[in-house]
Amino acid sequence: MKYQVQDFCRCMEALAPLELALEWDNVGLQIGHPDQEVSRVLVTLTVTMDVVERAIEEDVDLVIAHHPVIFKPLRQLRTDEPGGALLAALLQHDLAVYVAHTNLDQAEEGLNHWLARDLKLQDQRVLIPFQDGPAGLGRVGNIEPMTLGALAKHVERLWGYPVRIVGQEMHEIARVAVVGGSGGDFVHQAKKAGADVLITGDVSYHDAMDARSLDLAVLDAGHFGTERIVTAELQRYLAQHFGADVDILEDNSGSPFVF
């Protein structure tokens, strides 16, 4: 059976409806034609030139990414600059790009659902509901009590990424809030939800100071560390829907940081 880009758009939007995206975001089909045929897909977190080169080498038709390749309105398209060169390569090689970003973050069974499942949160609920429905940002729930230090080590093993700790390592943790990606702004919501700790990424100095003033522990597991689960989960989801008719490849490009 032959599939088109629009078939993948519908499949992705069944998982992560476009209306769930935050107003500042840019999601959906960003490059390509809905009628373009697809026989091979590459799932990635971020569309980099390395990802594009792999897609070209492996005859990929469609790249599905978490981070937008076009985020702000384009005022110019300079192919002598990295962003312009990337877009030019995608267009030159007829590579379509579909993006699921904050709509996937807020989806009922999207990024934060997967993180909560990994953490085995019990009696969980959405941290910041979207229009009082089952979707929304973050999750909060209970775990078997353990120290903050033990939880940090568990998260490092679970997601394979270094964790920074805000709080006392011997403090007992029983209730956890988790927000994938950049969630340092949500310390107040985590505290209000009764969490002992917020697990997220991109925690700033001021976020950490706010958390300390609230007596809330924080584990900064990294933007990449809390989102890397996306590629494997989307690869599995798409393979279930398109079966053997389409090759679904997973890009495991690592964090730009070296530890």
Protein backbone atom coordinates (compact mmCIF):
# COMPACT_ATOMS: atom_id res chain seq x y z
CA MET A 1 0.00 0.00 0.00
CA LYS A 2 1.28 3.48 -0.87
CA TYR A 3 1.11 6.30 1.66
CA GLN A 4 1.39 10.05 1.31
CA VAL A 5 2.63 12.81 3.59
CA GLN A 6 -0.96 13.68 4.46
CA ASP A 7 -1.49 10.17 5.86
CA PHE A 8 1.32 10.77 8.34
CA CYS A 9 -0.07 14.20 9.17
CA ARG A 10 -3.42 12.65 10.09
CA CYS A 11 -1.75 9.91 12.12
CA MET A 12 0.39 12.37 14.07
CA GLU A 13 -2.56 14.67 14.68
CA ALA A 14 -4.60 11.79 16.08
CA LEU A 15 -1.88 11.49 18.73
CA ALA A 16 -1.11 15.19 19.13
CA PRO A 17 -3.89 17.46 17.79
CA LEU A 18 -2.62 20.77 16.41
CA GLU A 19 -4.95 22.76 18.67
CA LEU A 20 -2.95 21.58 21.69
CA ALA A 21 0.10 23.59 20.58
CA LEU A 22 0.91 26.70 22.60
CA GLU A 23 0.15 29.94 20.77
CA TRP A 24 3.81 30.86 20.26
CA ASP A 25 4.66 27.51 18.69
CA ASN A 26 4.84 26.42 15.04
CA VAL A 27 3.75 22.84 14.37
CA GLY A 28 2.38 20.67 11.59
CA LEU A 29 3.67 20.19 8.05
CA GLN A 30 6.42 22.78 7.66
CA ILE A 31 8.05 21.67 4.40
CA GLY A 32 6.71 19.53 1.57
CA HIS A 33 3.51 18.66 -0.27
CA PRO A 34 0.66 16.69 1.33
CA ASP A 35 0.40 14.47 -1.76
CA GLN A 36 4.07 13.48 -1.76
CA GLU A 37 4.50 9.70 -1.56
CA VAL A 38 6.31 8.28 1.47
CA SER A 39 8.11 4.97 1.72
CA ARG A 40 10.70 5.86 4.36
CA VAL A 41 10.45 8.14 7.43
CA LEU A 42 13.10 9.42 9.83
CA VAL A 43 12.02 10.43 13.34
CA THR A 44 14.28 12.91 15.15
CA LEU A 45 14.25 15.45 17.96
CA THR A 46 15.88 18.25 15.97
CA VAL A 47 16.47 18.67 12.24
CA THR A 48 20.20 19.33 11.93
CA MET A 49 22.42 19.16 8.87
CA ASP A 50 23.67 15.75 10.11
CA VAL A 51 20.06 14.55 10.18
CA VAL A 52 19.45 15.90 6.67
CA GLU A 53 22.59 14.19 5.36
CA ARG A 54 21.47 10.88 6.86
CA ALA A 55 18.00 11.33 5.39
CA ILE A 56 19.51 11.92 1.95
CA GLU A 57 21.84 8.92 2.23
CA GLU A 58 19.01 6.62 3.31
CA ASP A 59 16.42 7.82 0.76
CA VAL A 60 14.07 9.22 3.37
CA ASP A 61 10.95 11.02 2.10
CA LEU A 62 9.65 12.52 5.35
CA VAL A 63 11.34 13.73 8.53
CA ILE A 64 9.17 13.90 11.64
CA ALA A 65 10.71 16.15 14.29
CA HIS A 66 9.88 17.40 17.76
CA HIS A 67 11.51 20.81 17.41
CA PRO A 68 10.35 23.17 14.66
CA VAL A 69 12.68 23.63 11.71
CA ILE A 70 10.88 26.92 10.99
CA PHE A 71 10.09 28.64 14.27
CA LYS A 72 10.06 32.40 13.68
CA PRO A 73 8.79 34.12 10.51
CA LEU A 74 11.48 34.13 7.80
CA ARG A 75 12.67 37.59 6.74
CA GLN A 76 15.31 36.22 4.40
CA LEU A 77 16.65 32.88 3.17
CA ARG A 78 20.43 33.12 3.09
CA THR A 79 21.94 29.84 1.93
CA ASP A 80 25.37 30.99 3.11
CA GLU A 81 24.10 30.82 6.71
CA PRO A 82 23.33 27.60 8.67
CA GLY A 83 19.56 27.99 8.85
CA GLY A 84 19.20 28.88 5.20
CA ALA A 85 21.56 26.11 4.09
CA LEU A 86 19.51 23.59 6.06
CA LEU A 87 16.24 24.66 4.45
CA ALA A 88 17.85 24.71 1.01
CA ALA A 89 19.09 21.13 1.45
CA LEU A 90 15.63 19.96 2.52
CA LEU A 91 14.00 21.60 -0.50
CA GLN A 92 16.70 20.50 -2.93
CA HIS A 93 16.29 16.86 -1.95
CA ASP A 94 12.48 16.99 -1.71
CA LEU A 95 12.47 16.13 2.00
CA ALA A 96 9.18 16.87 3.73
CA VAL A 97 9.27 17.91 7.40
CA TYR A 98 6.46 17.48 9.93
CA VAL A 99 6.73 18.90 13.47
CA ALA A 100 4.93 17.89 16.67
CA HIS A 101 6.21 20.09 19.51
CA THR A 102 4.14 21.56 22.34
CA ASN A 103 1.07 19.74 21.02
CA LEU A 104 2.96 16.48 21.66
CA ASP A 105 4.04 17.81 25.07
CA GLN A 106 0.40 18.44 25.99
CA ALA A 107 -1.10 15.36 24.33
CA GLU A 108 -2.96 12.97 26.61
CA GLU A 109 -0.62 10.14 25.59
CA GLY A 110 2.36 12.26 24.52
CA LEU A 111 5.72 13.21 25.98
CA ASN A 112 4.70 13.83 29.59
CA HIS A 113 2.58 10.68 29.64
CA TRP A 114 5.65 8.69 28.57
CA LEU A 115 7.84 10.32 31.22
CA ALA A 116 5.27 9.63 33.94
CA ARG A 117 5.03 6.02 32.79
CA ASP A 118 8.83 5.65 32.97
CA LEU A 119 8.81 7.07 36.49
CA LYS A 120 5.92 4.74 37.43
CA LEU A 121 3.88 7.60 38.88
CA GLN A 122 0.81 6.38 40.75
CA ASP A 123 -2.52 8.25 41.12
CA GLN A 124 -1.21 10.70 38.56
CA ARG A 125 -2.91 13.69 37.03
CA VAL A 126 -2.03 16.46 34.60
CA LEU A 127 0.00 19.20 36.24
CA ILE A 128 -1.36 22.08 34.11
CA PRO A 129 -4.56 20.98 32.32
CA PHE A 130 -5.46 22.20 28.85
CA GLN A 131 -9.01 23.63 28.98
CA ASP A 132 -9.87 21.35 31.90
CA GLY A 133 -9.53 18.26 29.69
CA PRO A 134 -7.30 15.17 29.91
CA ALA A 135 -4.47 16.88 28.00
CA GLY A 136 -1.99 19.41 29.37
CA LEU A 137 1.57 20.08 30.41
CA GLY A 138 3.36 17.85 32.90
CA ARG A 139 2.19 15.12 35.20
CA VAL A 140 2.21 14.75 38.98
CA GLY A 141 1.88 11.56 40.99
CA ASN A 142 3.25 9.39 43.75
CA ILE A 143 6.23 7.04 43.92
CA GLU A 144 7.60 4.64 46.48
CA PRO A 145 9.38 6.98 48.90
CA MET A 146 13.13 7.38 48.38
CA THR A 147 15.75 10.02 49.00
CA LEU A 148 16.32 12.82 46.53
CA GLY A 149 19.82 11.52 45.88
CA ALA A 150 18.53 8.02 45.11
CA LEU A 151 15.87 9.44 42.80
CA ALA A 152 18.50 11.48 40.96
CA LYS A 153 20.58 8.36 40.34
CA HIS A 154 17.48 6.47 39.22
CA VAL A 155 16.59 9.22 36.71
CA GLU A 156 20.16 9.24 35.36
CA ARG A 157 19.97 5.48 34.76
CA LEU A 158 16.46 5.71 33.34
CA TRP A 159 17.09 8.42 30.77
CA GLY A 160 20.85 8.16 30.36
CA TYR A 161 21.65 11.80 31.02
CA PRO A 162 23.40 13.70 33.84
CA VAL A 163 21.13 15.23 36.50
CA ARG A 164 21.68 18.44 38.46
CA ILE A 165 20.19 18.54 41.96
CA VAL A 166 18.50 21.42 43.78
CA GLY A 167 17.84 20.41 47.37
CA GLN A 168 19.16 18.09 50.06
CA GLU A 169 20.09 14.63 48.79
CA MET A 170 18.80 12.94 51.97
CA HIS A 171 15.37 14.62 51.73
CA GLU A 172 12.63 12.01 51.31
CA ILE A 173 10.60 12.18 48.10
CA ALA A 174 7.13 10.64 47.75
CA ARG A 175 5.32 12.92 45.27
CA VAL A 176 6.82 13.86 41.91
CA ALA A 177 5.99 16.42 39.23
CA VAL A 178 7.56 15.98 35.79
CA VAL A 179 7.63 18.35 32.81
CA GLY A 180 9.53 17.35 29.67
CA GLY A 181 11.83 19.84 27.98
CA SER A 182 12.12 23.32 29.46
CA GLY A 183 10.02 23.36 32.64
CA GLY A 184 11.89 25.45 35.17
CA ASP A 185 9.08 28.02 35.07
CA PHE A 186 6.69 25.55 36.67
CA VAL A 187 8.12 25.33 40.19
CA HIS A 188 5.13 27.17 41.67
CA GLN A 189 2.63 24.85 39.96
CA ALA A 190 4.59 21.81 41.14
CA LYS A 191 4.57 23.05 44.71
CA LYS A 192 0.85 23.85 44.55
CA ALA A 193 0.23 20.28 43.35
CA GLY A 194 1.89 18.97 46.50
CA ALA A 195 5.06 17.73 44.78
CA ASP A 196 8.22 17.14 46.77
CA VAL A 197 10.32 17.44 43.60
CA LEU A 198 10.02 18.76 40.05
CA ILE A 199 11.86 16.79 37.37
CA THR A 200 12.43 18.81 34.21
CA GLY A 201 15.10 20.45 32.04
CA ASP A 202 16.64 23.88 31.43
CA VAL A 203 16.46 24.97 35.08
CA SER A 204 17.92 28.47 35.45
CA TYR A 205 19.64 29.97 38.49
CA HIS A 206 16.48 31.97 39.27
CA ASP A 207 14.26 28.90 38.85
CA ALA A 208 16.47 27.07 41.35
CA MET A 209 16.33 29.98 43.81
CA ASP A 210 12.53 30.09 43.53
CA ALA A 211 12.33 26.36 44.16
CA ARG A 212 14.57 26.61 47.20
CA SER A 213 12.41 29.40 48.63
CA LEU A 214 9.38 27.14 48.20
CA ASP A 215 11.15 24.18 49.84
CA LEU A 216 10.73 22.26 46.56
CA ALA A 217 13.51 19.99 45.32
CA VAL A 218 14.35 20.04 41.61
CA LEU A 219 16.10 17.53 39.40
CA ASP A 220 17.35 19.13 36.18
CA ALA A 221 17.56 16.12 33.88
CA GLY A 222 18.25 18.27 30.82
CA HIS A 223 16.16 19.41 27.88
CA PHE A 224 17.58 16.58 25.78
CA GLY A 225 17.44 14.09 28.65
CA THR A 226 13.73 14.63 29.23
CA GLU A 227 12.84 14.60 25.52
CA ARG A 228 15.01 11.86 24.05
CA ILE A 229 12.21 9.36 24.69
CA VAL A 230 10.24 11.03 21.87
CA THR A 231 12.05 9.36 18.98
CA ALA A 232 11.63 5.78 20.21
CA GLU A 233 7.99 6.32 21.16
CA LEU A 234 7.09 7.94 17.83
CA GLN A 235 8.96 5.25 15.92
CA ARG A 236 6.90 2.62 17.76
CA TYR A 237 3.64 4.52 17.28
CA LEU A 238 4.14 5.02 13.54
CA ALA A 239 5.30 1.44 12.99
CA GLN A 240 2.08 0.20 14.59
CA HIS A 241 0.01 2.28 12.16
CA PHE A 242 1.96 1.83 8.93
CA GLY A 243 3.44 -1.63 9.43
CA ALA A 244 5.79 -3.11 6.86
CA ASP A 245 4.66 -0.77 4.09
CA VAL A 246 6.88 2.07 5.35
CA ASP A 247 10.34 2.00 6.93
CA ILE A 248 10.32 4.08 10.12
CA LEU A 249 13.87 5.01 11.12
CA GLU A 250 14.90 6.54 14.44
CA ASP A 251 17.58 9.21 14.76
CA ASN A 252 19.46 8.98 18.06
CA SER A 253 21.52 12.15 17.73
CA GLY A 254 22.79 13.09 21.17
CA SER A 255 22.86 16.29 23.15
CA PRO A 256 25.07 19.11 21.83
CA PHE A 257 26.68 19.24 25.27
CA VAL A 258 29.67 17.09 26.20
CA PHE A 259 29.80 15.62 29.73
